[in-house]
Amino acid sequence: MLRVAPEPARQFRSERELMRAEYASVPWLAPIAALMPHVLAADFTQSVTGRDWMIQSFLPGTPAPELLGSYPKATHTALFRQMGEITASVHAVAGPWFGPVTGPGHARWSGAVIASLHLIAEDVEGCGLDAADLRKAADAAQAGADVLDEVTVPRLLTGDLWTVNTMLAEGAPVPTICGVLDMDRTWWGDPEADWPTRMARAKQDERLSFFEACPAPADTASVRWRRHVYEVRHLGALRLERHRLGNQAGVRDSYPAVAAELSALAR
């Protein structure tokens, strides 16, 4: 499978050189190596096409979005429990700093979060969109840095793991993950800030079985406050993604969603 990165000029600052990030993450992702494609070749010189490229082994199975619907809803708990197991094994890996795997690294979690919010805000503004709400969230994170810095151990975060990035085994009695791909948004931080943790909590349905394998921390005031900061970061990244895909309704919807999180942060 040949993967080619976007031209450097088309990359957001908050998403720069993701292919290089995935390549650098491979040794750290050893706990799930059996599920991941193997890197067969990589070239980051940009001397061939003007872009980074990588060749990976082809993963067996069927993309989860294509196969999951063929299983009864009652069996979906097995999938999300396995998703929790995979995520927990990644979170068990401790790192050298907070922030992107390829750096820049931060000594404190607050520094990584605030820097990320500002980078996303810059990208949003670069698209001609208003990012004042994201700047306010960065200010709130700065004011509450001591709460963020209660997180003292940088844990490996998958960054983007969910059903769209998994392959399911064909013919299995229940939906069974046999492959994981596109691990290009990994970073070091609080497991509560990870995408699968957020998605598992997004609906009160079978996905909650995720937490049977990847337990959430005690529901304290500090944990809840940090979750609101993380949700703004997710919503800012989604705003960029929706803009890129031409989903203007989704872009508009992100503003009241961020406003609700800002309101919670101010309490």
Protein backbone atom coordinates (compact mmCIF):
# COMPACT_ATOMS: atom_id res chain seq x y z
CA MET A 1 0.00 0.00 0.00
CA LEU A 2 1.54 3.29 -1.14
CA ARG A 3 0.70 6.31 1.01
CA VAL A 4 1.61 9.81 -0.14
CA ALA A 5 1.45 12.83 2.15
CA PRO A 6 -0.15 16.13 1.11
CA GLU A 7 2.16 18.79 -0.30
CA PRO A 8 3.83 20.70 2.56
CA ALA A 9 2.02 23.90 1.57
CA ARG A 10 -1.36 22.17 2.03
CA GLN A 11 -0.65 20.93 5.54
CA PHE A 12 -2.07 22.66 8.58
CA ARG A 13 0.43 23.71 11.24
CA SER A 14 -1.43 21.58 13.77
CA GLU A 15 -1.19 18.56 11.42
CA ARG A 16 2.25 19.01 9.92
CA GLU A 17 4.28 15.99 8.81
CA LEU A 18 1.83 13.41 10.15
CA MET A 19 3.40 10.64 8.09
CA ARG A 20 6.74 11.29 9.76
CA ALA A 21 4.97 11.24 13.12
CA GLU A 22 3.49 7.82 12.36
CA TYR A 23 6.89 6.50 11.26
CA ALA A 24 8.49 7.77 14.49
CA SER A 25 5.66 6.26 16.55
CA VAL A 26 6.13 2.70 15.28
CA PRO A 27 8.62 1.60 17.99
CA TRP A 28 6.40 3.04 20.69
CA LEU A 29 3.39 1.18 19.30
CA ALA A 30 5.02 -2.21 19.84
CA PRO A 31 2.15 -3.42 22.10
CA ILE A 32 -0.19 -3.41 19.08
CA ALA A 33 2.40 -4.25 16.41
CA ALA A 34 0.55 -7.45 15.46
CA LEU A 35 -2.44 -5.36 14.38
CA MET A 36 -0.53 -2.73 12.41
CA PRO A 37 0.82 -2.70 8.86
CA HIS A 38 4.58 -3.09 8.47
CA VAL A 39 6.58 -0.19 7.05
CA LEU A 40 8.38 -1.61 4.01
CA ALA A 41 9.90 1.62 2.72
CA ALA A 42 9.78 5.33 3.48
CA ASP A 43 11.22 8.44 1.86
CA PHE A 44 11.05 11.84 3.53
CA THR A 45 13.58 13.56 1.24
CA GLN A 46 10.75 14.71 -1.08
CA SER A 47 13.21 14.25 -3.95
CA VAL A 48 10.92 11.95 -5.94
CA THR A 49 7.50 13.60 -5.81
CA GLY A 50 7.99 16.67 -3.65
CA ARG A 51 6.11 14.86 -0.90
CA ASP A 52 6.78 12.34 1.82
CA TRP A 53 5.73 8.78 0.96
CA MET A 54 5.64 5.41 2.65
CA ILE A 55 4.93 1.84 1.54
CA GLN A 56 3.21 -0.40 4.09
CA SER A 57 2.07 -4.00 4.04
CA PHE A 58 -1.59 -4.56 3.16
CA LEU A 59 -3.82 -5.33 6.15
CA PRO A 60 -6.29 -8.24 5.91
CA GLY A 61 -9.94 -7.85 6.78
CA THR A 62 -12.73 -5.43 5.90
CA PRO A 63 -12.98 -1.78 6.97
CA ALA A 64 -15.16 -1.65 10.07
CA PRO A 65 -17.63 0.92 8.62
CA GLU A 66 -18.41 -1.55 5.80
CA LEU A 67 -18.87 -4.67 7.94
CA LEU A 68 -20.02 -3.59 11.40
CA GLY A 69 -23.61 -2.95 10.31
CA SER A 70 -24.03 -6.60 9.32
CA TYR A 71 -23.72 -7.64 12.98
CA PRO A 72 -26.61 -7.40 15.48
CA LYS A 73 -26.31 -4.37 17.75
CA ALA A 74 -26.00 -6.63 20.77
CA THR A 75 -22.65 -7.91 19.48
CA HIS A 76 -21.14 -4.44 19.08
CA THR A 77 -20.11 -4.43 22.73
CA ALA A 78 -17.41 -6.96 21.79
CA LEU A 79 -15.94 -4.52 19.28
CA PHE A 80 -15.83 -1.59 21.68
CA ARG A 81 -14.45 -3.72 24.48
CA GLN A 82 -11.62 -4.76 22.16
CA MET A 83 -11.17 -1.12 21.16
CA GLY A 84 -10.73 -0.37 24.85
CA GLU A 85 -8.15 -3.16 25.19
CA ILE A 86 -6.15 -1.79 22.26
CA THR A 87 -6.33 1.76 23.58
CA ALA A 88 -5.36 0.72 27.11
CA SER A 89 -2.28 -1.11 25.80
CA VAL A 90 -1.19 2.06 23.99
CA HIS A 91 -1.88 4.25 27.03
CA ALA A 92 0.32 1.95 29.13
CA VAL A 93 3.37 3.26 27.25
CA ALA A 94 5.01 6.21 29.04
CA GLY A 95 7.01 8.78 27.14
CA PRO A 96 9.79 11.35 27.53
CA TRP A 97 7.71 14.54 27.31
CA PHE A 98 4.24 15.97 26.69
CA GLY A 99 3.21 16.82 23.14
CA PRO A 100 3.83 15.34 19.68
CA VAL A 101 5.92 12.17 19.47
CA THR A 102 8.28 13.98 17.10
CA GLY A 103 8.33 17.12 19.27
CA PRO A 104 8.44 19.83 20.24
CA GLY A 105 8.20 18.36 23.71
CA HIS A 106 6.92 20.12 26.83
CA ALA A 107 7.93 19.50 30.43
CA ARG A 108 4.34 20.09 31.57
CA TRP A 109 1.03 18.89 30.16
CA SER A 110 -0.40 22.41 30.24
CA GLY A 111 2.29 23.59 27.83
CA ALA A 112 1.41 20.91 25.29
CA VAL A 113 -2.33 21.57 25.51
CA ILE A 114 -2.04 25.35 25.25
CA ALA A 115 0.39 25.12 22.33
CA SER A 116 -1.97 22.72 20.53
CA LEU A 117 -4.95 25.02 21.00
CA HIS A 118 -3.02 27.98 19.60
CA LEU A 119 -1.83 25.99 16.57
CA ILE A 120 -5.39 24.88 15.80
CA ALA A 121 -6.59 28.48 16.21
CA GLU A 122 -3.92 29.68 13.76
CA ASP A 123 -5.04 27.08 11.23
CA VAL A 124 -8.69 28.05 11.65
CA GLU A 125 -7.81 31.70 11.12
CA GLY A 126 -5.71 30.73 8.12
CA CYS A 127 -8.89 29.30 6.58
CA GLY A 128 -10.61 32.66 7.03
CA LEU A 129 -12.68 31.46 9.98
CA ASP A 130 -13.14 32.97 13.43
CA ALA A 131 -11.00 31.33 16.10
CA ALA A 132 -11.65 33.72 18.99
CA ASP A 133 -13.41 30.95 20.92
CA LEU A 134 -10.37 28.68 20.61
CA ARG A 135 -8.13 31.51 21.82
CA LYS A 136 -10.43 31.93 24.84
CA ALA A 137 -10.08 28.23 25.57
CA ALA A 138 -6.28 28.56 25.42
CA ASP A 139 -6.51 31.45 27.90
CA ALA A 140 -8.70 29.34 30.18
CA ALA A 141 -6.21 26.48 29.93
CA GLN A 142 -3.41 28.89 30.84
CA ALA A 143 -5.37 30.15 33.84
CA GLY A 144 -6.05 26.57 34.91
CA ALA A 145 -2.58 25.26 34.15
CA ASP A 146 -2.24 23.84 37.65
CA VAL A 147 -5.28 21.61 37.02
CA LEU A 148 -3.85 20.37 33.72
CA ASP A 149 -0.50 19.77 35.38
CA GLU A 150 -2.03 17.32 37.83
CA VAL A 151 -1.31 14.98 34.91
CA THR A 152 2.36 14.20 35.50
CA VAL A 153 3.09 11.10 33.38
CA PRO A 154 3.07 11.48 29.57
CA ARG A 155 1.14 8.52 28.16
CA LEU A 156 1.08 7.52 24.51
CA LEU A 157 -2.20 8.62 22.92
CA THR A 158 -3.50 7.10 19.70
CA GLY A 159 -4.75 10.49 18.54
CA ASP A 160 -7.33 9.22 16.05
CA LEU A 161 -8.25 5.61 16.76
CA TRP A 162 -11.89 4.65 16.17
CA THR A 163 -13.96 2.39 13.94
CA VAL A 164 -12.97 4.19 10.72
CA ASN A 165 -9.35 3.25 11.37
CA THR A 166 -9.89 -0.43 12.08
CA MET A 167 -10.24 -3.60 10.00
CA LEU A 168 -12.60 -6.40 11.02
CA ALA A 169 -12.00 -10.12 10.57
CA GLU A 170 -14.32 -11.61 7.97
CA GLY A 171 -16.57 -14.43 9.19
CA ALA A 172 -15.98 -13.81 12.90
CA PRO A 173 -19.02 -14.59 15.12
CA VAL A 174 -18.82 -11.12 16.66
CA PRO A 175 -17.14 -7.99 15.23
CA THR A 176 -13.42 -8.57 15.84
CA ILE A 177 -10.65 -6.07 15.12
CA CYS A 178 -7.85 -7.64 13.12
CA GLY A 179 -6.08 -4.47 12.00
CA VAL A 180 -5.42 -0.88 13.04
CA LEU A 181 -4.22 1.80 10.62
CA ASP A 182 -3.43 5.50 10.24
CA MET A 183 -1.70 5.98 13.58
CA ASP A 184 -0.35 9.36 12.49
CA ARG A 185 -1.73 11.62 15.22
CA THR A 186 -0.05 10.02 18.21
CA TRP A 187 1.15 12.28 21.00
CA TRP A 188 2.12 12.15 24.67
CA GLY A 189 -0.38 13.27 27.26
CA ASP A 190 -3.44 12.49 29.36
CA PRO A 191 -5.40 9.40 28.23
CA GLU A 192 -8.59 11.39 28.85
CA ALA A 193 -7.54 13.65 25.97
CA ASP A 194 -7.37 10.77 23.48
CA TRP A 195 -9.87 10.53 20.62
CA PRO A 196 -11.16 7.00 21.39
CA THR A 197 -11.76 8.00 25.01
CA ARG A 198 -13.82 10.93 23.80
CA MET A 199 -15.73 8.89 21.23
CA ALA A 200 -16.52 6.10 23.70
CA ARG A 201 -18.17 8.66 25.96
CA ALA A 202 -20.04 10.47 23.16
CA LYS A 203 -23.13 8.22 23.34
CA GLN A 204 -24.71 6.17 26.10
CA ASP A 205 -24.90 2.95 24.12
CA GLU A 206 -22.90 -0.22 23.42
CA ARG A 207 -19.70 1.79 23.03
CA LEU A 208 -19.56 2.21 26.81
CA SER A 209 -18.16 -1.32 26.95
CA PHE A 210 -14.91 0.42 25.93
CA PHE A 211 -14.47 1.42 29.56
CA GLU A 212 -14.65 -2.17 30.76
CA ALA A 213 -11.20 -2.64 29.22
CA CYS A 214 -9.94 0.95 29.45
CA PRO A 215 -11.27 2.27 32.79
CA ALA A 216 -11.87 5.98 33.20
CA PRO A 217 -10.37 7.85 36.17
CA ALA A 218 -12.50 8.85 39.15
CA ASP A 219 -15.00 11.52 38.13
CA THR A 220 -13.52 14.44 40.07
CA ALA A 221 -13.99 18.16 39.45
CA SER A 222 -10.46 18.37 38.01
CA VAL A 223 -11.04 15.48 35.60
CA ARG A 224 -14.31 17.03 34.40
CA TRP A 225 -12.66 20.44 33.90
CA ARG A 226 -9.84 18.92 31.88
CA ARG A 227 -12.36 17.06 29.72
CA HIS A 228 -13.97 20.38 28.75
CA VAL A 229 -10.56 21.70 27.65
CA TYR A 230 -9.93 18.54 25.64
CA GLU A 231 -13.36 18.75 24.03
CA VAL A 232 -12.60 22.25 22.76
CA ARG A 233 -9.41 20.91 21.21
CA HIS A 234 -11.35 18.11 19.52
CA LEU A 235 -14.00 20.52 18.28
CA GLY A 236 -11.35 22.86 16.90
CA ALA A 237 -9.75 20.00 14.98
CA LEU A 238 -13.17 18.93 13.73
CA ARG A 239 -13.85 22.49 12.56
CA LEU A 240 -10.74 22.27 10.40
CA GLU A 241 -11.72 18.85 9.07
CA ARG A 242 -15.24 19.98 8.23
CA HIS A 243 -13.93 23.07 6.47
CA ARG A 244 -11.54 20.95 4.42
CA LEU A 245 -14.42 18.66 3.41
CA GLY A 246 -16.71 21.57 2.54
CA ASN A 247 -19.12 20.80 5.39
CA GLN A 248 -20.08 24.38 6.19
CA ALA A 249 -23.06 23.35 8.32
CA GLY A 250 -20.68 21.32 10.46
CA VAL A 251 -18.33 24.30 10.74
CA ARG A 252 -21.22 26.49 11.92
CA ASP A 253 -22.34 23.87 14.42
CA SER A 254 -18.88 23.84 16.01
CA TYR A 255 -19.27 27.38 17.36
CA PRO A 256 -22.20 26.79 19.76
CA ALA A 257 -20.58 23.50 20.77
CA VAL A 258 -17.35 25.29 21.75
CA ALA A 259 -19.39 28.01 23.49
CA ALA A 260 -21.00 25.36 25.71
CA GLU A 261 -17.58 24.03 26.68
CA LEU A 262 -16.28 27.55 27.42
CA SER A 263 -19.28 28.12 29.65
CA ALA A 264 -18.44 24.95 31.58
CA LEU A 265 -14.80 26.02 31.91
CA ALA A 266 -15.86 29.33 33.45
CA ARG A 267 -17.81 27.73 36.29
